[in-house]
Amino acid sequence: MIKRNKPYKCNEYIIEDDFVLIKMSKGEVFVIDKEDLDRVKAHYWHLGSNNYAYSFYTDDLKKVRRINLHRYIMGVIDDSLAIIDHIDANKNNCCKSNLRITTKATNGINRHPRKDNPSGYVGIAKHKKCTRWESQISVDGKRIILGYFDNINEAINARVLAEKKYYGIVSVQYREMGY
């Protein structure tokens, strides 16, 4: 059971129809379901350097512990191995409909490309020797080359089909593109 630390400060809560906006001290805004407001309001939420909202609580052994908002909402307090995935990859959206308990592998595919990715797409790269677009995917730690394509859109289509086949879902970047 979580024993709540009494907050010395309060976040600002803006109640909408079926959700609540939590405004942090520096203006950052997080979204939660209205039904979670009373539980969440018992804590003061901060923005961490990793851009996740977090607070502190005292456990049964009287130790002060840190908890991220999305883990708190999903009820995953002590299980450090459980992964909570933001389905839309938006750390500020902590509504239950946007959160799921998942595996590290599934969480890893639900991401945007790295900033240093020259193609701008996850799993797509310009092949150095043949100057064609290489499409690839990792499954169970093994890299699978999906093919080499003259057109980047063909490479993207191959990647999306492979994500559906191997992962059962399409990563957030490609969902945002309409796949």
Foldseek 3Di string as FASTA:
>chain_A
DWAFDADPDFWDWDDDDFWIWTAAPVGDIAIEGPVCCVVVRRFHWDQDPVRFIKTWTQDPVRDIDIDTPLCVVVVNDPPPQWDKAQQLNDNRYSYPVRIDTDHPVLNVQQDFDDPPQVVRHPQWHQDDPPRFIWGWDAAPNDIDTQDTHNDVVVSVVSNQVVCCVRVVDHHNVVVVVPD
